[in-house]
Protein backbone atom coordinates (compact mmCIF):
# COMPACT_ATOMS: atom_id res chain seq x y z
CA ARG A 1 -16.61 -1.83 0.83
CA ARG A 2 -15.16 1.50 -0.54
CA GLU A 3 -15.30 2.95 2.98
CA GLU A 4 -13.58 -0.36 4.41
CA PHE A 5 -10.98 -0.24 1.77
CA LEU A 6 -10.04 3.57 2.30
CA GLU A 7 -9.77 3.16 6.17
CA THR A 8 -7.67 0.07 5.62
CA LEU A 9 -5.38 1.89 3.06
CA THR A 10 -5.19 5.08 5.20
CA ASN A 11 -4.17 3.04 8.39
CA ASN A 12 -1.54 1.28 6.48
CA GLN A 13 -0.17 4.66 5.52
CA LYS A 14 -0.31 5.86 8.72
CA GLY A 15 1.43 3.17 9.93
CA VAL A 16 4.14 3.36 7.39
CA HIS A 17 4.68 6.90 8.03
CA ALA A 18 5.09 6.67 11.86
CA ASN A 19 6.79 3.37 12.29
CA GLU A 20 8.97 2.16 9.17
CA PRO A 21 12.48 4.27 9.03
CA LEU A 22 13.26 2.30 5.69
CA ALA A 23 10.00 3.49 3.65
CA VAL A 24 10.60 6.73 1.66
CA VAL A 25 7.49 7.02 0.06
CA PHE A 26 4.02 5.49 0.73
CA GLU A 27 1.36 7.83 -1.12
CA TRP A 28 -1.90 7.06 -2.67
CA GLY A 29 -4.73 8.79 -4.89
CA GLU A 30 -8.14 7.89 -6.52
CA SER A 31 -8.01 8.33 -10.46
CA GLU A 32 -9.90 11.55 -11.41
CA LYS A 33 -11.46 9.85 -14.56
CA GLU A 34 -12.13 6.59 -13.26
CA ARG A 35 -14.10 6.41 -9.99
CA ASN A 36 -12.87 3.47 -7.59
CA THR A 37 -9.58 3.21 -9.55
CA PHE A 38 -6.62 3.87 -6.99
CA HIS A 39 -2.92 4.12 -7.64
CA ILE A 40 -0.49 3.38 -4.55
CA ALA A 41 3.08 4.33 -4.58
CA GLU A 42 5.46 2.79 -2.13
CA GLN A 43 9.24 3.37 -2.16
CA TYR A 44 11.62 1.57 0.54
CA LEU A 45 15.20 1.93 1.05
CA GLY A 46 16.09 -1.51 -0.78
CA ARG A 47 14.57 -4.80 -0.50
CA GLU A 48 14.98 -5.12 3.01
CA GLY A 49 12.88 -2.24 3.61
CA TYR A 50 10.09 -3.70 1.58
CA GLU A 51 10.64 -6.85 3.52
CA ALA A 52 10.36 -5.05 6.80
CA HIS A 53 6.98 -3.58 5.87
CA ILE A 54 5.44 -6.96 4.91
CA GLN A 55 6.23 -8.03 8.40
CA THR A 56 4.30 -5.06 10.21
CA PRO A 57 0.90 -5.03 11.63
CA HIS A 58 -0.45 -2.42 9.58
CA TYR A 59 0.48 -4.29 6.82
CA GLY A 60 -1.06 -7.60 7.86
CA LYS A 61 -4.41 -5.61 8.28
CA TRP A 62 -4.23 -4.85 4.68
CA LYS A 63 -2.81 -8.10 3.55
CA GLU A 64 -6.03 -9.55 5.64
CA PHE A 65 -8.70 -7.27 3.88
CA CYS A 66 -7.08 -8.11 0.47
CA GLY A 67 -7.59 -11.91 1.42
CA THR A 68 -11.37 -10.93 1.42
CA ASP A 69 -11.55 -10.52 -2.27
CA PRO A 70 -12.64 -6.89 -2.22
CA PHE A 71 -11.36 -5.67 -5.88
CA SER A 72 -13.48 -5.79 -9.05
CA ARG A 73 -10.24 -6.72 -10.76
CA PRO A 74 -6.87 -7.85 -9.65
CA PRO A 75 -4.52 -5.25 -8.58
CA GLU A 76 -1.48 -4.62 -10.58
CA LEU A 77 1.53 -4.54 -8.87
CA MET A 78 5.19 -3.27 -10.29
CA PHE A 79 8.52 -3.79 -8.52
CA PHE A 80 11.33 -1.86 -9.84
CA PRO A 81 14.84 -0.67 -8.76
CA LEU A 82 15.38 3.11 -8.64
CA ARG A 83 18.18 4.50 -10.73
CA LYS A 84 20.74 6.52 -9.08
């Protein structure tokens, strides 16, 4: 499932960069110490940017993939406002 994961994540990233003006950052990488551990950093202009993101077709495909229970452990999500 690794290749399917990488393809889905990459397509989501491309969709964000091409179509989401309220997205500031969408980058990801794999841990150098623990294979198959990935870190995704997303930043949006306000909560409205995130809400717009989760309405997009590319996010829908990511959500669909996540719904197939592909992970060896649950993803850890953290939300926090940026300090100015």
